Structure formats: structure tokens, C-alpha cells
Amino acid sequence: MSDVHTPKRGRPGYDQRAILEIAVAAFNEFGYDATSMGVLAARLALSKAAIYHHFSSKDEVLQLALDEALNGLEGVLVECGAVTGTAIDRLAYVLRGAVQVLTSRLPYVTLLLRVRGNTDVERLALTRRRAFDRAVSVLVIEARDEGSLRSDIDPRVVTRLLFGMVNSIAEWYRPEGPEDAAQLANDVLAVALDGLRRR
């Protein structure tokens, strides 16, 4: 597998990272299945051979793009704030981290949210995403059990609602908009946890 962070030069102006960013934009615009290597070549004004200099296949492009999103989310789970402290504090940390990953890697997370499991690469990504969801669900249960969250709402429902709110950000958030990512994370926590926290 290629390392997306190691520049590979083909034609001047296009390294692997630049091609990946343009490919992700095309996948988000047309859908992965509908975006052929020919479409990418036309958008880049490169030959297919020039793209294959950087990537072995369209699936490799997708895998690197999905890794960008998933590595960010999985990384949040192992940070100090996600593994120490009360369950409610750890849950808040992970939610804040998920918002920050989404906003800083918006095209990549948008692509992740749109995969449907039609290829082996997509199925692996969905498996990793479900594992992240389960880790958050465990935090919700622990926060409920410690008395920080209401106990009258099923933790599975709480988890789905939390992810529904966070994931919806991909549809409307624009980095150039009036609210920065840190304030957006604060707003998510205020709505999600202040609405659920036992008073």
C-alpha cells in the first residue's frame, strides 16, 4: 500500500496527496462507483498512466481516502482524554474529537459516511466504523451506569442519536462559515449532553 504522506512526483504540480484530494472531491460529487479512472484523468488533465504511477487502482485511492477519516476517528479513542476520567468526561472528549476530525477532514469523512459496502475496501471501512460506534456506545453505557446520563433512554438509541447529530455536520458545515470547529464542538456537547445529563 502506498504511503499517502510520502510525496510521489509524476507530472509537475501533482503528487499523490494532490491527486487523492481531487479524487475524493470527485467521489463525493459523482459517487465512487460512477467515478472512473477516466473521469479522474480528465479532471486532473493527466493520463491514466500518470495516475497509476501514484496508485495501483481506484480501490487503493478509496482505501487511502477512507483511512484518512478512520485513522482520525480511531486516534481519538486512544488519546489520554478518551481513556482517563469519568465516563461522561471521556464521552464528551470523544464526541468533541469526532467533531474536530469531521471538520478538519471533511471531504474524507463525507466519503466515509457515503460508502455502502459494495467493495472489499468499503466493507472493511464499515467494519472499522462500526467498531468506533461500539466504543462510543460503551462510553454511553458507562456514563449511564455511573449516574451521569439518564437511565430511561436505551443507550443504543442515545448512541444513534449522537451519531446522527455529529454525522449530519458533514452535510451542512463549511469551514469558511461563521462558526469555527471548536465552537461547533461546544454546541454539539451542549445539545447532546446537557439534554441527556441527569439534573
C-alpha atoms as a PDB file:
ATOM      1  CA  MET A   1       0.000   0.000   0.000  1.00  0.00           C
ATOM      2  CA  SER A   2       1.262   3.469  -0.848  1.00  0.00           C
ATOM      3  CA  ASP A   3       2.012   5.956   1.879  1.00  0.00           C
ATOM      4  CA  VAL A   4      -0.175   8.975   1.198  1.00  0.00           C
ATOM      5  CA  HIS A   5       2.174  11.210   3.166  1.00  0.00           C
ATOM      6  CA  THR A   6       5.226  10.384   1.033  1.00  0.00           C
ATOM      7  CA  PRO A   7       5.243  12.680  -1.988  1.00  0.00           C
ATOM      8  CA  LYS A   8       5.488  10.817  -5.275  1.00  0.00           C
ATOM      9  CA  ARG A   9       6.059  13.126  -8.178  1.00  0.00           C
ATOM     10  CA  GLY A  10       4.645  12.484 -11.603  1.00  0.00           C
ATOM     11  CA  ARG A  11       3.774  15.488 -13.715  1.00  0.00           C
ATOM     12  CA  PRO A  12       4.775  18.785 -12.140  1.00  0.00           C
ATOM     13  CA  GLY A  13       2.210  20.021  -9.626  1.00  0.00           C
ATOM     14  CA  TYR A  14       0.659  16.657  -8.803  1.00  0.00           C
ATOM     15  CA  ASP A  15       1.903  14.477  -6.022  1.00  0.00           C
ATOM     16  CA  GLN A  16      -0.058  11.596  -4.558  1.00  0.00           C
ATOM     17  CA  ARG A  17      -1.732  13.802  -1.949  1.00  0.00           C
ATOM     18  CA  ALA A  18      -2.955  16.329  -4.519  1.00  0.00           C
ATOM     19  CA  ILE A  19      -4.375  13.565  -6.696  1.00  0.00           C
ATOM     20  CA  LEU A  20      -6.058  12.000  -3.657  1.00  0.00           C
ATOM     21  CA  GLU A  21      -7.763  15.271  -2.707  1.00  0.00           C
ATOM     22  CA  ILE A  22      -9.120  15.764  -6.222  1.00  0.00           C
ATOM     23  CA  ALA A  23     -10.240  12.133  -6.382  1.00  0.00           C
ATOM     24  CA  VAL A  24     -12.114  12.439  -3.070  1.00  0.00           C
ATOM     25  CA  ALA A  25     -13.894  15.539  -4.355  1.00  0.00           C
ATOM     26  CA  ALA A  26     -14.933  13.597  -7.469  1.00  0.00           C
ATOM     27  CA  PHE A  27     -16.076  10.575  -5.435  1.00  0.00           C
ATOM     28  CA  ASN A  28     -18.207  12.877  -3.280  1.00  0.00           C
ATOM     29  CA  GLU A  29     -19.632  14.651  -6.310  1.00  0.00           C
ATOM     30  CA  PHE A  30     -20.413  11.664  -8.562  1.00  0.00           C
ATOM     31  CA  GLY A  31     -20.271   8.687  -6.207  1.00  0.00           C
ATOM     32  CA  TYR A  32     -17.424   6.208  -6.013  1.00  0.00           C
ATOM     33  CA  ASP A  33     -18.944   3.683  -8.405  1.00  0.00           C
ATOM     34  CA  ALA A  34     -19.697   6.330 -11.031  1.00  0.00           C
ATOM     35  CA  THR A  35     -16.220   7.869 -10.899  1.00  0.00           C
ATOM     36  CA  SER A  36     -13.948   6.028 -13.311  1.00  0.00           C
ATOM     37  CA  MET A  37     -10.210   6.451 -13.636  1.00  0.00           C
ATOM     38  CA  GLY A  38     -11.047   8.179 -16.923  1.00  0.00           C
ATOM     39  CA  VAL A  39     -13.122  10.761 -15.050  1.00  0.00           C
ATOM     40  CA  LEU A  40     -10.234  11.321 -12.642  1.00  0.00           C
ATOM     41  CA  ALA A  41      -7.737  11.610 -15.502  1.00  0.00           C
ATOM     42  CA  ALA A  42      -9.918  14.204 -17.225  1.00  0.00           C
ATOM     43  CA  ARG A  43     -10.390  16.200 -14.039  1.00  0.00           C
ATOM     44  CA  LEU A  44      -6.641  16.174 -13.392  1.00  0.00           C
ATOM     45  CA  ALA A  45      -5.684  16.699 -17.047  1.00  0.00           C
ATOM     46  CA  LEU A  46      -3.430  13.661 -16.674  1.00  0.00           C
ATOM     47  CA  SER A  47      -3.242  10.350 -18.431  1.00  0.00           C
ATOM     48  CA  LYS A  48      -4.494   7.255 -16.614  1.00  0.00           C
ATOM     49  CA  ALA A  49      -0.904   6.022 -16.662  1.00  0.00           C
ATOM     50  CA  ALA A  50       0.171   9.100 -14.699  1.00  0.00           C
ATOM     51  CA  ILE A  51      -2.442   8.301 -12.038  1.00  0.00           C
ATOM     52  CA  TYR A  52      -1.312   4.670 -11.940  1.00  0.00           C
ATOM     53  CA  HIS A  53       2.176   5.961 -11.209  1.00  0.00           C
ATOM     54  CA  HIS A  54       0.792   7.009  -7.802  1.00  0.00           C
ATOM     55  CA  PHE A  55      -1.957   4.435  -7.177  1.00  0.00           C
ATOM     56  CA  SER A  56      -2.259   0.801  -8.216  1.00  0.00           C
ATOM     57  CA  SER A  57      -6.055   1.014  -8.597  1.00  0.00           C
ATOM     58  CA  LYS A  58      -9.145   3.081  -7.901  1.00  0.00           C
ATOM     59  CA  ASP A  59      -9.699   0.865  -4.853  1.00  0.00           C
ATOM     60  CA  GLU A  60      -6.345   1.977  -3.456  1.00  0.00           C
ATOM     61  CA  VAL A  61      -7.384   5.606  -3.869  1.00  0.00           C
ATOM     62  CA  LEU A  62     -10.581   4.842  -1.943  1.00  0.00           C
ATOM     63  CA  GLN A  63      -8.726   2.935   0.757  1.00  0.00           C
ATOM     64  CA  LEU A  64      -6.297   5.780   1.389  1.00  0.00           C
ATOM     65  CA  ALA A  65      -9.165   8.267   1.484  1.00  0.00           C
ATOM     66  CA  LEU A  66     -11.184   6.202   3.950  1.00  0.00           C
ATOM     67  CA  ASP A  67      -8.068   5.586   6.067  1.00  0.00           C
ATOM     68  CA  GLU A  68      -7.687   9.365   6.371  1.00  0.00           C
ATOM     69  CA  ALA A  69     -11.103   9.570   8.049  1.00  0.00           C
ATOM     70  CA  LEU A  70     -10.948   6.365  10.056  1.00  0.00           C
ATOM     71  CA  ASN A  71      -7.419   6.845  11.355  1.00  0.00           C
ATOM     72  CA  GLY A  72      -8.509  10.216  12.712  1.00  0.00           C
ATOM     73  CA  LEU A  73     -11.562   8.804  14.473  1.00  0.00           C
ATOM     74  CA  GLU A  74      -9.731   5.778  15.834  1.00  0.00           C
ATOM     75  CA  GLY A  75      -6.921   8.027  17.024  1.00  0.00           C
ATOM     76  CA  VAL A  76      -9.343   9.963  19.226  1.00  0.00           C
ATOM     77  CA  LEU A  77     -10.223   6.761  21.101  1.00  0.00           C
ATOM     78  CA  VAL A  78      -6.650   6.225  22.318  1.00  0.00           C
ATOM     79  CA  GLU A  79      -5.884   9.793  23.392  1.00  0.00           C
ATOM     80  CA  CYS A  80      -5.492  10.440  27.106  1.00  0.00           C
ATOM     81  CA  GLY A  81      -8.820  12.272  27.422  1.00  0.00           C
ATOM     82  CA  ALA A  82     -10.669   9.288  25.953  1.00  0.00           C
ATOM     83  CA  VAL A  83      -9.238   6.724  28.362  1.00  0.00           C
ATOM     84  CA  THR A  84      -8.945   8.572  31.697  1.00  0.00           C
ATOM     85  CA  GLY A  85     -11.504  10.272  33.896  1.00  0.00           C
ATOM     86  CA  THR A  86     -15.205   9.738  34.382  1.00  0.00           C
ATOM     87  CA  ALA A  87     -17.215   8.091  31.643  1.00  0.00           C
ATOM     88  CA  ILE A  88     -19.130  11.307  30.928  1.00  0.00           C
ATOM     89  CA  ASP A  89     -15.874  13.218  30.524  1.00  0.00           C
ATOM     90  CA  ARG A  90     -14.459  10.526  28.249  1.00  0.00           C
ATOM     91  CA  LEU A  91     -17.661  10.532  26.200  1.00  0.00           C
ATOM     92  CA  ALA A  92     -17.519  14.315  25.877  1.00  0.00           C
ATOM     93  CA  TYR A  93     -13.875  14.106  24.825  1.00  0.00           C
ATOM     94  CA  VAL A  94     -14.607  11.533  22.125  1.00  0.00           C
ATOM     95  CA  LEU A  95     -17.587  13.492  20.794  1.00  0.00           C
ATOM     96  CA  ARG A  96     -15.508  16.667  20.669  1.00  0.00           C
ATOM     97  CA  GLY A  97     -12.738  14.750  18.928  1.00  0.00           C
ATOM     98  CA  ALA A  98     -15.156  13.263  16.393  1.00  0.00           C
ATOM     99  CA  VAL A  99     -16.420  16.755  15.524  1.00  0.00           C
ATOM    100  CA  GLN A 100     -12.861  18.003  15.145  1.00  0.00           C
ATOM    101  CA  VAL A 101     -11.916  15.090  12.872  1.00  0.00           C
ATOM    102  CA  LEU A 102     -15.040  15.645  10.803  1.00  0.00           C
ATOM    103  CA  THR A 103     -14.406  19.350  10.357  1.00  0.00           C
ATOM    104  CA  SER A 104     -10.669  19.049   9.692  1.00  0.00           C
ATOM    105  CA  ARG A 105     -11.055  16.098   7.296  1.00  0.00           C
ATOM    106  CA  LEU A 106     -14.483  16.983   5.953  1.00  0.00           C
ATOM    107  CA  PRO A 107     -14.226  15.548   2.397  1.00  0.00           C
ATOM    108  CA  TYR A 108     -12.789  12.280   3.717  1.00  0.00           C
ATOM    109  CA  VAL A 109     -15.402  11.830   6.453  1.00  0.00           C
ATOM    110  CA  THR A 110     -18.139  12.761   3.971  1.00  0.00           C
ATOM    111  CA  LEU A 111     -16.894   9.967   1.721  1.00  0.00           C
ATOM    112  CA  LEU A 112     -16.807   7.534   4.657  1.00  0.00           C
ATOM    113  CA  LEU A 113     -20.413   8.355   5.519  1.00  0.00           C
ATOM    114  CA  ARG A 114     -21.463   7.572   1.942  1.00  0.00           C
ATOM    115  CA  VAL A 115     -19.885   4.133   1.481  1.00  0.00           C
ATOM    116  CA  ARG A 116     -22.361   1.287   1.262  1.00  0.00           C
ATOM    117  CA  GLY A 117     -20.215  -1.851   1.367  1.00  0.00           C
ATOM    118  CA  ASN A 118     -20.145  -2.588  -2.357  1.00  0.00           C
ATOM    119  CA  THR A 119     -16.428  -3.488  -2.386  1.00  0.00           C
ATOM    120  CA  ASP A 120     -13.981  -5.195  -0.035  1.00  0.00           C
ATOM    121  CA  VAL A 121     -12.439  -1.798   0.746  1.00  0.00           C
ATOM    122  CA  GLU A 122     -15.846  -0.372   1.660  1.00  0.00           C
ATOM    123  CA  ARG A 123     -16.757  -3.396   3.766  1.00  0.00           C
ATOM    124  CA  LEU A 124     -13.515  -3.100   5.738  1.00  0.00           C
ATOM    125  CA  ALA A 125     -14.166   0.614   6.275  1.00  0.00           C
ATOM    126  CA  LEU A 126     -17.690  -0.111   7.511  1.00  0.00           C
ATOM    127  CA  THR A 127     -16.318  -2.728   9.932  1.00  0.00           C
ATOM    128  CA  ARG A 128     -13.895  -0.151  11.345  1.00  0.00           C
ATOM    129  CA  ARG A 129     -16.619   2.477  11.553  1.00  0.00           C
ATOM    130  CA  ARG A 130     -18.921   0.099  13.434  1.00  0.00           C
ATOM    131  CA  ALA A 131     -16.100  -0.645  15.889  1.00  0.00           C
ATOM    132  CA  PHE A 132     -15.786   3.095  16.557  1.00  0.00           C
ATOM    133  CA  ASP A 133     -19.555   3.325  17.049  1.00  0.00           C
ATOM    134  CA  ARG A 134     -19.451   0.414  19.514  1.00  0.00           C
ATOM    135  CA  ALA A 135     -16.675   2.091  21.505  1.00  0.00           C
ATOM    136  CA  VAL A 136     -18.831   5.205  21.842  1.00  0.00           C
ATOM    137  CA  SER A 137     -21.824   3.065  22.797  1.00  0.00           C
ATOM    138  CA  VAL A 138     -19.767   1.525  25.605  1.00  0.00           C
ATOM    139  CA  LEU A 139     -18.979   5.022  26.891  1.00  0.00           C
ATOM    140  CA  VAL A 140     -22.686   5.907  26.814  1.00  0.00           C
ATOM    141  CA  ILE A 141     -23.491   2.793  28.883  1.00  0.00           C
ATOM    142  CA  GLU A 142     -20.692   3.551  31.356  1.00  0.00           C
ATOM    143  CA  ALA A 143     -21.873   7.155  31.705  1.00  0.00           C
ATOM    144  CA  ARG A 144     -25.404   5.945  32.367  1.00  0.00           C
ATOM    145  CA  ASP A 145     -24.181   3.377  34.894  1.00  0.00           C
ATOM    146  CA  GLU A 146     -22.128   5.973  36.788  1.00  0.00           C
ATOM    147  CA  GLY A 147     -25.269   8.127  37.052  1.00  0.00           C
ATOM    148  CA  SER A 148     -24.170  10.886  34.658  1.00  0.00           C
ATOM    149  CA  LEU A 149     -26.762  10.200  31.953  1.00  0.00           C
ATOM    150  CA  ARG A 150     -30.443   9.488  32.114  1.00  0.00           C
ATOM    151  CA  SER A 151     -31.283   5.816  32.526  1.00  0.00           C
ATOM    152  CA  ASP A 152     -34.714   5.942  30.883  1.00  0.00           C
ATOM    153  CA  ILE A 153     -33.349   6.079  27.307  1.00  0.00           C
ATOM    154  CA  ASP A 154     -31.865   2.991  25.666  1.00  0.00           C
ATOM    155  CA  PRO A 155     -28.084   3.541  25.243  1.00  0.00           C
ATOM    156  CA  ARG A 156     -28.301   2.186  21.679  1.00  0.00           C
ATOM    157  CA  VAL A 157     -30.826   4.891  20.840  1.00  0.00           C
ATOM    158  CA  VAL A 158     -28.671   7.531  22.534  1.00  0.00           C
ATOM    159  CA  THR A 159     -25.650   6.404  20.508  1.00  0.00           C
ATOM    160  CA  ARG A 160     -27.586   6.529  17.231  1.00  0.00           C
ATOM    161  CA  LEU A 161     -28.924   9.986  18.032  1.00  0.00           C
ATOM    162  CA  LEU A 162     -25.454  11.252  18.921  1.00  0.00           C
ATOM    163  CA  PHE A 163     -24.002   9.944  15.680  1.00  0.00           C
ATOM    164  CA  GLY A 164     -26.958  11.253  13.729  1.00  0.00           C
ATOM    165  CA  MET A 165     -26.230  14.727  15.051  1.00  0.00           C
ATOM    166  CA  VAL A 166     -22.452  14.560  14.554  1.00  0.00           C
ATOM    167  CA  ASN A 167     -22.634  12.930  11.127  1.00  0.00           C
ATOM    168  CA  SER A 168     -25.170  15.470   9.878  1.00  0.00           C
ATOM    169  CA  ILE A 169     -22.469  18.128  10.207  1.00  0.00           C
ATOM    170  CA  ALA A 170     -20.908  16.733   7.017  1.00  0.00           C
ATOM    171  CA  GLU A 171     -23.973  17.832   5.067  1.00  0.00           C
ATOM    172  CA  TRP A 172     -24.010  21.492   6.065  1.00  0.00           C
ATOM    173  CA  TYR A 173     -20.762  22.551   7.731  1.00  0.00           C
ATOM    174  CA  ARG A 174     -18.478  24.806   5.698  1.00  0.00           C
ATOM    175  CA  PRO A 175     -15.007  25.673   7.069  1.00  0.00           C
ATOM    176  CA  GLU A 176     -15.338  29.217   5.762  1.00  0.00           C
ATOM    177  CA  GLY A 177     -18.643  29.679   7.616  1.00  0.00           C
ATOM    178  CA  PRO A 178     -19.243  31.855  10.684  1.00  0.00           C
ATOM    179  CA  GLU A 179     -18.725  29.133  13.316  1.00  0.00           C
ATOM    180  CA  ASP A 180     -15.328  27.591  13.855  1.00  0.00           C
ATOM    181  CA  ALA A 181     -14.794  23.918  14.617  1.00  0.00           C
ATOM    182  CA  ALA A 182     -14.121  24.425  18.337  1.00  0.00           C
ATOM    183  CA  GLN A 183     -17.358  26.353  18.855  1.00  0.00           C
ATOM    184  CA  LEU A 184     -19.255  23.778  16.818  1.00  0.00           C
ATOM    185  CA  ALA A 185     -17.922  21.023  19.094  1.00  0.00           C
ATOM    186  CA  ASN A 186     -19.037  23.062  22.126  1.00  0.00           C
ATOM    187  CA  ASP A 187     -22.511  23.393  20.617  1.00  0.00           C
ATOM    188  CA  VAL A 188     -22.750  19.652  19.934  1.00  0.00           C
ATOM    189  CA  LEU A 189     -21.794  18.857  23.518  1.00  0.00           C
ATOM    190  CA  ALA A 190     -24.248  21.418  24.887  1.00  0.00           C
ATOM    191  CA  VAL A 191     -27.133  19.994  22.885  1.00  0.00           C
ATOM    192  CA  ALA A 192     -26.208  16.339  23.289  1.00  0.00           C
ATOM    193  CA  LEU A 193     -25.061  16.103  26.882  1.00  0.00           C
ATOM    194  CA  ASP A 194     -26.917  18.906  28.587  1.00  0.00           C
ATOM    195  CA  GLY A 195     -30.088  17.457  27.126  1.00  0.00           C
ATOM    196  CA  LEU A 196     -29.241  13.983  28.433  1.00  0.00           C
ATOM    197  CA  ARG A 197     -27.411  14.738  31.649  1.00  0.00           C
ATOM    198  CA  ARG A 198     -29.299  13.984  34.866  1.00  0.00           C
ATOM    199  CA  ARG A 199     -30.117  17.205  36.666  1.00  0.00           C
END
